[in-house]
Amino acid sequence: MVKYNKHYKNNKEYLKRFDIFQDNYNFILNHRNKNGENIEMDLNEYSDLTQKEFADKFFEKLVPEPRSGPINDIKATPFKHNVNATIPKSFDWRDHGAVGKVKNQGSCASCWSFSALGALEGHYYIKYGELLDLSEQNLVDCATPFGPKGCKTGWMHDAFKYIISSGGVNLESQYPYTGKDEVCKFNQSEKEAKVSGFVMIPKFDESALMEAIALYGPVAVPIDTSTKEFQHLSGGIYYSDSCDPWNTIHAVLAIGYGTDENGVDYFLMKNSWGKSWGTNGFFKVKRGVKGKCGIVTAASYPIVA
């Protein structure tokens, strides 16, 4: 309570939260005692919430099939495997300067905007050598005609459609994040990072996701984060038997992949819940399971003009 500045309105609420806290703490302890597990969990600022409360507070369901808004003439570029390419065994775009700082979306379900702009910042850096800090609030407020619903979620490829149409997006310094739906204040004269198209990764094709990351840049991916394991994730490699590839209620950024010391393959992800969650805001997802937790259900990346 002290660490996360928790205050409860009365003793009844305190006792309720304490019971939930105990249940979560026992779940973490029991999981630590299991053999052969690669996932690491610990208490965090969400440990006084039930699994349902956690999901209801932070997530909105992403419709599994890519959808379009009223403007539907902007089509995806199909992904093509490069049969002549040599893919490294491990890769991390942080080592190459293409990953921006970890941010915190708050209680607004704007993860799609952080995921999309994380990919755009990375691809822009790869092409031009400058790491921009782009405005998620710009997308939250302005991308609605293309499908997203602001703080009630959206698809990353629809965000790319908006940026294609608008000719760019404002910087965070010009259009600060507020974490709530507001009137669009996009400044056309200060737009950055022009996008000419976007690529969709084939469904359930983990090899395509690996190739896209290694050869082109970070990829915006959806993910099932409704599990109790994800709520308390602190390290290791995320995986849950209860993962549903169609229950994509969150969006993150795939920035790399590799194999841990136990021989378990993983994808490396950047989240948007600040540095207190996961491993300083980053986490790993088990690879080689055909995207069971949803990361290749509708993954995409932008083509920078």
C-alpha atoms as a PDB file:
ATOM      1  CA  MET A   1       0.000   0.000   0.000  1.00  0.00           C
ATOM      2  CA  VAL A   2       2.869   2.347   0.811  1.00  0.00           C
ATOM      3  CA  LYS A   3       4.886   1.483  -2.287  1.00  0.00           C
ATOM      4  CA  TYR A   4       2.019   2.094  -4.692  1.00  0.00           C
ATOM      5  CA  ASN A   5       0.228   4.798  -2.651  1.00  0.00           C
ATOM      6  CA  LYS A   6      -2.902   2.697  -2.162  1.00  0.00           C
ATOM      7  CA  HIS A   7      -5.819   4.138  -0.204  1.00  0.00           C
ATOM      8  CA  TYR A   8      -9.179   2.446   0.369  1.00  0.00           C
ATOM      9  CA  LYS A   9     -12.395   4.298   1.173  1.00  0.00           C
ATOM     10  CA  ASN A  10     -13.358   2.227   4.238  1.00  0.00           C
ATOM     11  CA  ASN A  11     -12.535  -0.911   6.220  1.00  0.00           C
ATOM     12  CA  LYS A  12     -14.899  -3.041   4.147  1.00  0.00           C
ATOM     13  CA  GLU A  13     -13.058  -2.098   0.962  1.00  0.00           C
ATOM     14  CA  TYR A  14      -9.707  -2.653   2.687  1.00  0.00           C
ATOM     15  CA  LEU A  15     -10.684  -6.187   3.771  1.00  0.00           C
ATOM     16  CA  LYS A  16     -11.969  -6.983   0.280  1.00  0.00           C
ATOM     17  CA  ARG A  17      -8.700  -5.829  -1.306  1.00  0.00           C
ATOM     18  CA  PHE A  18      -6.649  -7.677   1.305  1.00  0.00           C
ATOM     19  CA  ASP A  19      -8.466 -10.943   0.520  1.00  0.00           C
ATOM     20  CA  ILE A  20      -7.815 -10.441  -3.200  1.00  0.00           C
ATOM     21  CA  PHE A  21      -4.178  -9.595  -2.449  1.00  0.00           C
ATOM     22  CA  GLN A  22      -3.790 -12.814  -0.445  1.00  0.00           C
ATOM     23  CA  ASP A  23      -5.315 -14.869  -3.246  1.00  0.00           C
ATOM     24  CA  ASN A  24      -2.945 -13.326  -5.802  1.00  0.00           C
ATOM     25  CA  TYR A  25       0.050 -13.745  -3.500  1.00  0.00           C
ATOM     26  CA  ASN A  26      -0.743 -17.437  -2.964  1.00  0.00           C
ATOM     27  CA  PHE A  27      -1.091 -17.899  -6.737  1.00  0.00           C
ATOM     28  CA  ILE A  28       2.388 -16.385  -7.220  1.00  0.00           C
ATOM     29  CA  LEU A  29       3.924 -18.537  -4.461  1.00  0.00           C
ATOM     30  CA  ASN A  30       2.335 -21.729  -5.778  1.00  0.00           C
ATOM     31  CA  HIS A  31       3.568 -20.954  -9.279  1.00  0.00           C
ATOM     32  CA  ARG A  32       7.121 -20.463  -7.982  1.00  0.00           C
ATOM     33  CA  ASN A  33       7.046 -23.947  -6.517  1.00  0.00           C
ATOM     34  CA  LYS A  34       6.269 -25.582  -9.862  1.00  0.00           C
ATOM     35  CA  ASN A  35       9.141 -27.285 -11.628  1.00  0.00           C
ATOM     36  CA  GLY A  36      10.041 -26.591 -15.240  1.00  0.00           C
ATOM     37  CA  GLU A  37       8.310 -23.211 -15.428  1.00  0.00           C
ATOM     38  CA  ASN A  38      10.026 -20.407 -17.346  1.00  0.00           C
ATOM     39  CA  ILE A  39       7.661 -17.635 -16.268  1.00  0.00           C
ATOM     40  CA  GLU A  40       8.444 -15.337 -13.333  1.00  0.00           C
ATOM     41  CA  MET A  41       5.792 -13.485 -11.343  1.00  0.00           C
ATOM     42  CA  ASP A  42       5.803 -11.059  -8.437  1.00  0.00           C
ATOM     43  CA  LEU A  43       3.584  -8.623  -6.594  1.00  0.00           C
ATOM     44  CA  ASN A  44       2.943  -5.300  -8.332  1.00  0.00           C
ATOM     45  CA  GLU A  45       0.544  -2.364  -8.238  1.00  0.00           C
ATOM     46  CA  TYR A  46      -2.238  -4.568  -9.678  1.00  0.00           C
ATOM     47  CA  SER A  47      -2.067  -7.273  -6.997  1.00  0.00           C
ATOM     48  CA  ASP A  48      -5.160  -5.975  -5.185  1.00  0.00           C
ATOM     49  CA  LEU A  49      -7.330  -6.573  -8.260  1.00  0.00           C
ATOM     50  CA  THR A  50      -9.076  -9.769  -9.320  1.00  0.00           C
ATOM     51  CA  GLN A  51      -8.234 -11.128 -12.739  1.00  0.00           C
ATOM     52  CA  LYS A  52     -11.580  -9.840 -14.080  1.00  0.00           C
ATOM     53  CA  GLU A  53     -11.130  -6.402 -12.514  1.00  0.00           C
ATOM     54  CA  PHE A  54      -7.664  -6.172 -14.011  1.00  0.00           C
ATOM     55  CA  ALA A  55      -8.980  -7.055 -17.476  1.00  0.00           C
ATOM     56  CA  ASP A  56     -11.999  -4.743 -17.187  1.00  0.00           C
ATOM     57  CA  LYS A  57      -9.848  -1.830 -16.043  1.00  0.00           C
ATOM     58  CA  PHE A  58      -7.185  -1.952 -18.715  1.00  0.00           C
ATOM     59  CA  PHE A  59      -8.448  -3.886 -21.715  1.00  0.00           C
ATOM     60  CA  GLU A  60     -11.027  -3.774 -24.461  1.00  0.00           C
ATOM     61  CA  LYS A  61     -11.503  -6.671 -26.868  1.00  0.00           C
ATOM     62  CA  LEU A  62      -9.749  -6.305 -30.206  1.00  0.00           C
ATOM     63  CA  VAL A  63     -11.894  -7.919 -32.889  1.00  0.00           C
ATOM     64  CA  PRO A  64      -9.764 -10.832 -34.207  1.00  0.00           C
ATOM     65  CA  GLU A  65     -10.376 -10.138 -37.892  1.00  0.00           C
ATOM     66  CA  PRO A  66      -8.726  -6.946 -39.184  1.00  0.00           C
ATOM     67  CA  ARG A  67     -11.480  -4.422 -39.700  1.00  0.00           C
ATOM     68  CA  SER A  68     -11.671  -1.145 -41.567  1.00  0.00           C
ATOM     69  CA  GLY A  69     -13.426   2.115 -40.876  1.00  0.00           C
ATOM     70  CA  PRO A  70     -15.458   4.068 -43.435  1.00  0.00           C
ATOM     71  CA  ILE A  71     -12.292   4.763 -45.439  1.00  0.00           C
ATOM     72  CA  ASN A  72     -11.434   1.285 -46.667  1.00  0.00           C
ATOM     73  CA  ASP A  73      -9.454   1.913 -49.860  1.00  0.00           C
ATOM     74  CA  ILE A  74      -6.080   1.727 -48.069  1.00  0.00           C
ATOM     75  CA  LYS A  75      -5.040  -1.901 -48.426  1.00  0.00           C
ATOM     76  CA  ALA A  76      -2.266  -3.796 -46.700  1.00  0.00           C
ATOM     77  CA  THR A  77       0.870  -4.860 -48.531  1.00  0.00           C
ATOM     78  CA  PRO A  78       1.159  -8.659 -48.326  1.00  0.00           C
ATOM     79  CA  PHE A  79       4.205  -9.977 -46.486  1.00  0.00           C
ATOM     80  CA  LYS A  80       6.620 -11.970 -48.661  1.00  0.00           C
ATOM     81  CA  HIS A  81       9.203 -14.328 -47.203  1.00  0.00           C
ATOM     82  CA  ASN A  82      12.754 -13.540 -48.295  1.00  0.00           C
ATOM     83  CA  VAL A  83      14.027 -17.032 -49.138  1.00  0.00           C
ATOM     84  CA  ASN A  84      17.573 -15.736 -49.652  1.00  0.00           C
ATOM     85  CA  ALA A  85      17.817 -13.939 -46.303  1.00  0.00           C
ATOM     86  CA  THR A  86      19.884 -15.237 -43.391  1.00  0.00           C
ATOM     87  CA  ILE A  87      18.025 -14.640 -40.132  1.00  0.00           C
ATOM     88  CA  PRO A  88      20.178 -14.329 -36.984  1.00  0.00           C
ATOM     89  CA  LYS A  89      19.438 -16.711 -34.101  1.00  0.00           C
ATOM     90  CA  SER A  90      18.675 -13.769 -31.808  1.00  0.00           C
ATOM     91  CA  PHE A  91      17.952 -10.080 -32.300  1.00  0.00           C
ATOM     92  CA  ASP A  92      17.089  -7.039 -30.178  1.00  0.00           C
ATOM     93  CA  TRP A  93      16.332  -3.649 -31.740  1.00  0.00           C
ATOM     94  CA  ARG A  94      17.299  -1.956 -28.459  1.00  0.00           C
ATOM     95  CA  ASP A  95      20.895  -2.834 -29.333  1.00  0.00           C
ATOM     96  CA  HIS A  96      20.539  -0.829 -32.548  1.00  0.00           C
ATOM     97  CA  GLY A  97      18.860   2.284 -31.140  1.00  0.00           C
ATOM     98  CA  ALA A  98      15.445   1.731 -32.717  1.00  0.00           C
ATOM     99  CA  VAL A  99      13.347   1.450 -29.540  1.00  0.00           C
ATOM    100  CA  GLY A 100      11.984   4.511 -27.730  1.00  0.00           C
ATOM    101  CA  LYS A 101      11.415   4.970 -24.020  1.00  0.00           C
ATOM    102  CA  VAL A 102       8.864   2.915 -22.102  1.00  0.00           C
ATOM    103  CA  LYS A 103       5.626   4.869 -21.604  1.00  0.00           C
ATOM    104  CA  ASN A 104       2.490   4.360 -19.511  1.00  0.00           C
ATOM    105  CA  GLN A 105      -0.946   4.373 -21.127  1.00  0.00           C
ATOM    106  CA  GLY A 106      -2.746   4.603 -17.776  1.00  0.00           C
ATOM    107  CA  SER A 107      -6.330   3.323 -17.593  1.00  0.00           C
ATOM    108  CA  CYS A 108      -7.094   4.396 -21.183  1.00  0.00           C
ATOM    109  CA  ALA A 109      -7.235   1.367 -23.513  1.00  0.00           C
ATOM    110  CA  SER A 110      -4.978   3.142 -25.993  1.00  0.00           C
ATOM    111  CA  CYS A 111      -2.420   0.329 -26.197  1.00  0.00           C
ATOM    112  CA  TRP A 112      -3.006   0.179 -29.967  1.00  0.00           C
ATOM    113  CA  SER A 113      -1.605   3.704 -30.374  1.00  0.00           C
ATOM    114  CA  PHE A 114       1.523   2.935 -28.321  1.00  0.00           C
ATOM    115  CA  SER A 115       2.058  -0.272 -30.278  1.00  0.00           C
ATOM    116  CA  ALA A 116       1.570   1.381 -33.676  1.00  0.00           C
ATOM    117  CA  LEU A 117       3.746   4.400 -32.927  1.00  0.00           C
ATOM    118  CA  GLY A 118       6.427   2.241 -31.343  1.00  0.00           C
ATOM    119  CA  ALA A 119       6.666   0.412 -34.659  1.00  0.00           C
ATOM    120  CA  LEU A 120       6.660   3.674 -36.621  1.00  0.00           C
ATOM    121  CA  GLU A 121       9.354   5.238 -34.436  1.00  0.00           C
ATOM    122  CA  GLY A 122      11.516   2.169 -34.958  1.00  0.00           C
ATOM    123  CA  HIS A 123      11.070   2.028 -38.727  1.00  0.00           C
ATOM    124  CA  TYR A 124      11.636   5.774 -39.047  1.00  0.00           C
ATOM    125  CA  TYR A 125      14.885   5.446 -37.104  1.00  0.00           C
ATOM    126  CA  ILE A 126      16.040   2.546 -39.259  1.00  0.00           C
ATOM    127  CA  LYS A 127      15.454   4.587 -42.416  1.00  0.00           C
ATOM    128  CA  TYR A 128      16.512   8.073 -41.303  1.00  0.00           C
ATOM    129  CA  GLY A 129      18.651   7.614 -38.183  1.00  0.00           C
ATOM    130  CA  GLU A 130      16.463   9.786 -35.950  1.00  0.00           C
ATOM    131  CA  LEU A 131      14.415   8.357 -33.062  1.00  0.00           C
ATOM    132  CA  LEU A 132      11.252  10.443 -32.829  1.00  0.00           C
ATOM    133  CA  ASP A 133       8.900  10.592 -29.832  1.00  0.00           C
ATOM    134  CA  LEU A 134       5.487  10.542 -31.506  1.00  0.00           C
ATOM    135  CA  SER A 135       2.119  11.473 -29.991  1.00  0.00           C
ATOM    136  CA  GLU A 136      -0.203   8.643 -28.966  1.00  0.00           C
ATOM    137  CA  GLN A 137      -2.827  11.236 -27.992  1.00  0.00           C
ATOM    138  CA  ASN A 138      -2.859  12.403 -31.614  1.00  0.00           C
ATOM    139  CA  LEU A 139      -4.043   8.937 -32.629  1.00  0.00           C
ATOM    140  CA  VAL A 140      -6.465   8.567 -29.708  1.00  0.00           C
ATOM    141  CA  ASP A 141      -8.232  11.805 -30.656  1.00  0.00           C
ATOM    142  CA  CYS A 142      -8.011  11.766 -34.446  1.00  0.00           C
ATOM    143  CA  ALA A 143      -7.927   8.209 -35.870  1.00  0.00           C
ATOM    144  CA  THR A 144     -11.590   7.377 -35.142  1.00  0.00           C
ATOM    145  CA  PRO A 145     -12.802   7.639 -38.776  1.00  0.00           C
ATOM    146  CA  PHE A 146     -10.456   4.796 -39.663  1.00  0.00           C
ATOM    147  CA  GLY A 147     -11.722   2.294 -37.072  1.00  0.00           C
ATOM    148  CA  PRO A 148     -10.025   2.931 -33.692  1.00  0.00           C
ATOM    149  CA  LYS A 149     -12.197   4.064 -30.773  1.00  0.00           C
ATOM    150  CA  GLY A 150      -9.741   6.126 -28.742  1.00  0.00           C
ATOM    151  CA  CYS A 151      -9.659   4.886 -25.153  1.00  0.00           C
ATOM    152  CA  LYS A 152     -11.884   1.964 -26.141  1.00  0.00           C
ATOM    153  CA  THR A 153      -9.185   0.266 -28.227  1.00  0.00           C
ATOM    154  CA  GLY A 154      -8.398  -0.064 -31.920  1.00  0.00           C
ATOM    155  CA  TRP A 155      -6.233  -1.862 -34.453  1.00  0.00           C
ATOM    156  CA  MET A 156      -2.668  -0.845 -35.208  1.00  0.00           C
ATOM    157  CA  HIS A 157      -3.064  -1.236 -38.977  1.00  0.00           C
ATOM    158  CA  ASP A 158      -6.038   1.160 -38.807  1.00  0.00           C
ATOM    159  CA  ALA A 159      -3.738   3.639 -37.042  1.00  0.00           C
ATOM    160  CA  PHE A 160      -1.347   3.321 -39.996  1.00  0.00           C
ATOM    161  CA  LYS A 161      -4.246   4.072 -42.347  1.00  0.00           C
ATOM    162  CA  TYR A 162      -4.912   7.301 -40.465  1.00  0.00           C
ATOM    163  CA  ILE A 163      -1.240   8.313 -40.614  1.00  0.00           C
ATOM    164  CA  ILE A 164      -1.135   7.565 -44.355  1.00  0.00           C
ATOM    165  CA  SER A 165      -4.197   9.773 -44.893  1.00  0.00           C
ATOM    166  CA  SER A 166      -3.067  12.599 -42.599  1.00  0.00           C
ATOM    167  CA  GLY A 167       0.456  12.662 -44.007  1.00  0.00           C
ATOM    168  CA  GLY A 168       2.080  12.089 -40.625  1.00  0.00           C
ATOM    169  CA  VAL A 169       1.596  12.499 -36.887  1.00  0.00           C
ATOM    170  CA  ASN A 170       2.575  15.142 -34.332  1.00  0.00           C
ATOM    171  CA  LEU A 171       5.355  14.765 -31.784  1.00  0.00           C
ATOM    172  CA  GLU A 172       4.623  14.009 -28.121  1.00  0.00           C
ATOM    173  CA  SER A 173       6.029  17.428 -27.193  1.00  0.00           C
ATOM    174  CA  GLN A 174       3.524  19.102 -29.524  1.00  0.00           C
ATOM    175  CA  TYR A 175       0.536  16.930 -28.597  1.00  0.00           C
ATOM    176  CA  PRO A 176       0.999  15.586 -25.013  1.00  0.00           C
ATOM    177  CA  TYR A 177      -0.691  12.441 -23.737  1.00  0.00           C
ATOM    178  CA  THR A 178      -3.688  12.913 -21.409  1.00  0.00           C
ATOM    179  CA  GLY A 179      -5.037   9.358 -21.338  1.00  0.00           C
ATOM    180  CA  LYS A 180      -8.617  10.313 -22.193  1.00  0.00           C
ATOM    181  CA  ASP A 181     -10.709  10.901 -25.302  1.00  0.00           C
ATOM    182  CA  GLU A 182     -10.532  14.507 -26.451  1.00  0.00           C
ATOM    183  CA  VAL A 183     -11.231  16.627 -29.543  1.00  0.00           C
ATOM    184  CA  CYS A 184      -8.712  16.169 -32.359  1.00  0.00           C
ATOM    185  CA  LYS A 185      -6.028  18.874 -32.301  1.00  0.00           C
ATOM    186  CA  PHE A 186      -3.733  17.550 -35.026  1.00  0.00           C
ATOM    187  CA  ASN A 187      -1.428  20.260 -36.359  1.00  0.00           C
ATOM    188  CA  GLN A 188      -0.955  19.651 -40.075  1.00  0.00           C
ATOM    189  CA  SER A 189       1.987  22.056 -40.269  1.00  0.00           C
ATOM    190  CA  GLU A 190       4.005  20.102 -37.660  1.00  0.00           C
ATOM    191  CA  LYS A 191       3.459  16.546 -38.871  1.00  0.00           C
ATOM    192  CA  GLU A 192       6.290  13.995 -38.787  1.00  0.00           C
ATOM    193  CA  ALA A 193       6.935  10.418 -39.958  1.00  0.00           C
ATOM    194  CA  LYS A 194       5.093  10.061 -43.250  1.00  0.00           C
ATOM    195  CA  VAL A 195       3.816   6.545 -43.976  1.00  0.00           C
ATOM    196  CA  SER A 196       3.178   5.171 -47.464  1.00  0.00           C
ATOM    197  CA  GLY A 197       1.700   1.791 -46.528  1.00  0.00           C
ATOM    198  CA  PHE A 198       1.693  -1.080 -44.053  1.00  0.00           C
ATOM    199  CA  VAL A 199       2.358  -4.817 -44.053  1.00  0.00           C
ATOM    200  CA  MET A 200       0.269  -7.509 -42.376  1.00  0.00           C
ATOM    201  CA  ILE A 201       2.034 -10.609 -41.043  1.00  0.00           C
ATOM    202  CA  PRO A 202       0.320 -13.887 -42.115  1.00  0.00           C
ATOM    203  CA  LYS A 203      -1.803 -15.332 -39.327  1.00  0.00           C
ATOM    204  CA  PHE A 204      -0.046 -17.799 -36.991  1.00  0.00           C
ATOM    205  CA  ASP A 205       3.203 -17.558 -38.992  1.00  0.00           C
ATOM    206  CA  GLU A 206       5.872 -17.096 -36.317  1.00  0.00           C
ATOM    207  CA  SER A 207       8.685 -17.475 -38.857  1.00  0.00           C
ATOM    208  CA  ALA A 208       7.270 -14.494 -40.771  1.00  0.00           C
ATOM    209  CA  LEU A 209       7.187 -12.452 -37.559  1.00  0.00           C
ATOM    210  CA  MET A 210      10.822 -13.364 -36.843  1.00  0.00           C
ATOM    211  CA  GLU A 211      11.839 -12.447 -40.365  1.00  0.00           C
ATOM    212  CA  ALA A 212       9.955  -9.152 -40.275  1.00  0.00           C
ATOM    213  CA  ILE A 213      11.615  -8.163 -37.000  1.00  0.00           C
ATOM    214  CA  ALA A 214      15.140  -9.088 -38.107  1.00  0.00           C
ATOM    215  CA  LEU A 215      15.001  -7.727 -41.660  1.00  0.00           C
ATOM    216  CA  TYR A 216      12.677  -4.727 -41.401  1.00  0.00           C
ATOM    217  CA  GLY A 217      12.061  -3.530 -37.843  1.00  0.00           C
ATOM    218  CA  PRO A 218       9.761  -3.667 -34.803  1.00  0.00           C
ATOM    219  CA  VAL A 219       6.264  -5.060 -35.354  1.00  0.00           C
ATOM    220  CA  ALA A 220       2.979  -4.015 -33.721  1.00  0.00           C
ATOM    221  CA  VAL A 221       1.287  -7.129 -32.312  1.00  0.00           C
ATOM    222  CA  PRO A 222      -1.938  -7.976 -30.446  1.00  0.00           C
ATOM    223  CA  ILE A 223      -1.859 -10.329 -27.460  1.00  0.00           C
ATOM    224  CA  ASP A 224      -4.089 -12.168 -24.993  1.00  0.00           C
ATOM    225  CA  THR A 225      -3.246 -10.638 -21.609  1.00  0.00           C
ATOM    226  CA  SER A 226      -6.383 -11.774 -19.770  1.00  0.00           C
ATOM    227  CA  THR A 227      -4.512 -14.440 -17.810  1.00  0.00           C
ATOM    228  CA  LYS A 228      -3.537 -14.241 -14.159  1.00  0.00           C
ATOM    229  CA  GLU A 229       0.064 -14.953 -15.140  1.00  0.00           C
ATOM    230  CA  PHE A 230       0.278 -11.767 -17.210  1.00  0.00           C
ATOM    231  CA  GLN A 231      -1.221  -9.659 -14.439  1.00  0.00           C
ATOM    232  CA  HIS A 232       1.773 -10.455 -12.200  1.00  0.00           C
ATOM    233  CA  LEU A 233       4.473 -11.017 -14.816  1.00  0.00           C
ATOM    234  CA  SER A 234       7.916  -9.880 -13.643  1.00  0.00           C
ATOM    235  CA  GLY A 235      10.309 -11.852 -15.843  1.00  0.00           C
ATOM    236  CA  GLY A 236      11.006 -15.140 -17.536  1.00  0.00           C
ATOM    237  CA  ILE A 237       8.935 -16.068 -20.583  1.00  0.00           C
ATOM    238  CA  TYR A 238       5.185 -15.446 -20.710  1.00  0.00           C
ATOM    239  CA  TYR A 239       2.972 -18.379 -21.587  1.00  0.00           C
ATOM    240  CA  SER A 240      -0.316 -19.682 -20.257  1.00  0.00           C
ATOM    241  CA  ASP A 241      -2.348 -22.749 -21.136  1.00  0.00           C
ATOM    242  CA  SER A 242      -5.404 -20.502 -20.922  1.00  0.00           C
ATOM    243  CA  CYS A 243      -4.127 -18.191 -23.683  1.00  0.00           C
ATOM    244  CA  ASP A 244      -6.562 -17.789 -26.588  1.00  0.00           C
ATOM    245  CA  PRO A 245      -5.093 -16.487 -29.893  1.00  0.00           C
ATOM    246  CA  TRP A 246      -8.427 -14.839 -30.692  1.00  0.00           C
ATOM    247  CA  ASN A 247      -8.783 -13.126 -27.313  1.00  0.00           C
ATOM    248  CA  THR A 248      -6.545 -10.236 -28.345  1.00  0.00           C
ATOM    249  CA  ILE A 249      -7.404  -7.622 -25.717  1.00  0.00           C
ATOM    250  CA  HIS A 250      -4.068  -5.788 -25.636  1.00  0.00           C
ATOM    251  CA  ALA A 251      -1.388  -4.564 -28.064  1.00  0.00           C
ATOM    252  CA  VAL A 252       2.382  -4.404 -27.596  1.00  0.00           C
ATOM    253  CA  LEU A 253       5.530  -4.016 -29.685  1.00  0.00           C
ATOM    254  CA  ALA A 254       7.667  -6.946 -30.848  1.00  0.00           C
ATOM    255  CA  ILE A 255      11.278  -5.743 -30.850  1.00  0.00           C
ATOM    256  CA  GLY A 256      13.299  -8.962 -30.955  1.00  0.00           C
ATOM    257  CA  TYR A 257      13.557 -12.663 -30.314  1.00  0.00           C
ATOM    258  CA  GLY A 258      15.978 -15.246 -28.942  1.00  0.00           C
ATOM    259  CA  THR A 259      16.469 -18.364 -26.824  1.00  0.00           C
ATOM    260  CA  ASP A 260      17.016 -18.369 -23.055  1.00  0.00           C
ATOM    261  CA  GLU A 261      19.570 -20.361 -21.057  1.00  0.00           C
ATOM    262  CA  ASN A 262      17.091 -23.243 -20.712  1.00  0.00           C
ATOM    263  CA  GLY A 263      16.674 -23.544 -24.463  1.00  0.00           C
ATOM    264  CA  VAL A 264      13.223 -21.938 -24.547  1.00  0.00           C
ATOM    265  CA  ASP A 265      12.560 -19.775 -27.621  1.00  0.00           C
ATOM    266  CA  TYR A 266      10.882 -16.400 -27.150  1.00  0.00           C
ATOM    267  CA  PHE A 267       9.832 -13.114 -28.732  1.00  0.00           C
ATOM    268  CA  LEU A 268      10.884  -9.918 -26.952  1.00  0.00           C
ATOM    269  CA  MET A 269       8.157  -7.325 -26.349  1.00  0.00           C
ATOM    270  CA  LYS A 270       7.816  -3.733 -25.172  1.00  0.00           C
ATOM    271  CA  ASN A 271       4.696  -2.901 -23.132  1.00  0.00           C
ATOM    272  CA  SER A 272       3.070   0.454 -22.344  1.00  0.00           C
ATOM    273  CA  TRP A 273       2.463   0.165 -18.576  1.00  0.00           C
ATOM    274  CA  GLY A 274       5.561   2.000 -17.377  1.00  0.00           C
ATOM    275  CA  LYS A 275       8.799   0.542 -16.011  1.00  0.00           C
ATOM    276  CA  SER A 276       7.331  -0.887 -12.785  1.00  0.00           C
ATOM    277  CA  TRP A 277       5.656  -3.749 -14.658  1.00  0.00           C
ATOM    278  CA  GLY A 278       7.501  -6.723 -16.183  1.00  0.00           C
ATOM    279  CA  THR A 279      11.247  -6.287 -16.650  1.00  0.00           C
ATOM    280  CA  ASN A 280      11.520  -2.483 -16.727  1.00  0.00           C
ATOM    281  CA  GLY A 281       8.508  -2.401 -19.034  1.00  0.00           C
ATOM    282  CA  PHE A 282       9.659  -5.233 -21.336  1.00  0.00           C
ATOM    283  CA  PHE A 283       8.768  -8.936 -21.378  1.00  0.00           C
ATOM    284  CA  LYS A 284       9.224 -12.167 -23.325  1.00  0.00           C
ATOM    285  CA  VAL A 285       6.562 -14.386 -24.926  1.00  0.00           C
ATOM    286  CA  LYS A 286       7.082 -18.066 -25.669  1.00  0.00           C
ATOM    287  CA  ARG A 287       7.937 -18.783 -29.311  1.00  0.00           C
ATOM    288  CA  GLY A 288       7.262 -22.004 -31.205  1.00  0.00           C
ATOM    289  CA  VAL A 289       3.623 -22.351 -30.116  1.00  0.00           C
ATOM    290  CA  LYS A 290       2.003 -20.970 -33.308  1.00  0.00           C
ATOM    291  CA  GLY A 291       1.187 -17.699 -31.592  1.00  0.00           C
ATOM    292  CA  LYS A 292      -1.079 -19.262 -28.968  1.00  0.00           C
ATOM    293  CA  CYS A 293      -1.225 -15.994 -27.004  1.00  0.00           C
ATOM    294  CA  GLY A 294      -2.320 -14.058 -30.108  1.00  0.00           C
ATOM    295  CA  ILE A 295       0.851 -12.263 -31.229  1.00  0.00           C
ATOM    296  CA  VAL A 296       0.502 -13.352 -34.860  1.00  0.00           C
ATOM    297  CA  THR A 297      -3.263 -13.031 -35.104  1.00  0.00           C
ATOM    298  CA  ALA A 298      -3.080  -9.578 -36.743  1.00  0.00           C
ATOM    299  CA  ALA A 299       0.502  -8.247 -36.503  1.00  0.00           C
ATOM    300  CA  SER A 300       1.582  -5.352 -38.723  1.00  0.00           C
ATOM    301  CA  TYR A 301       4.291  -2.772 -39.388  1.00  0.00           C
ATOM    302  CA  PRO A 302       4.400   0.527 -41.313  1.00  0.00           C
ATOM    303  CA  ILE A 303       6.245   1.378 -44.510  1.00  0.00           C
ATOM    304  CA  VAL A 304       7.967   4.723 -43.907  1.00  0.00           C
ATOM    305  CA  ALA A 305       7.896   7.093 -46.873  1.00  0.00           C
END
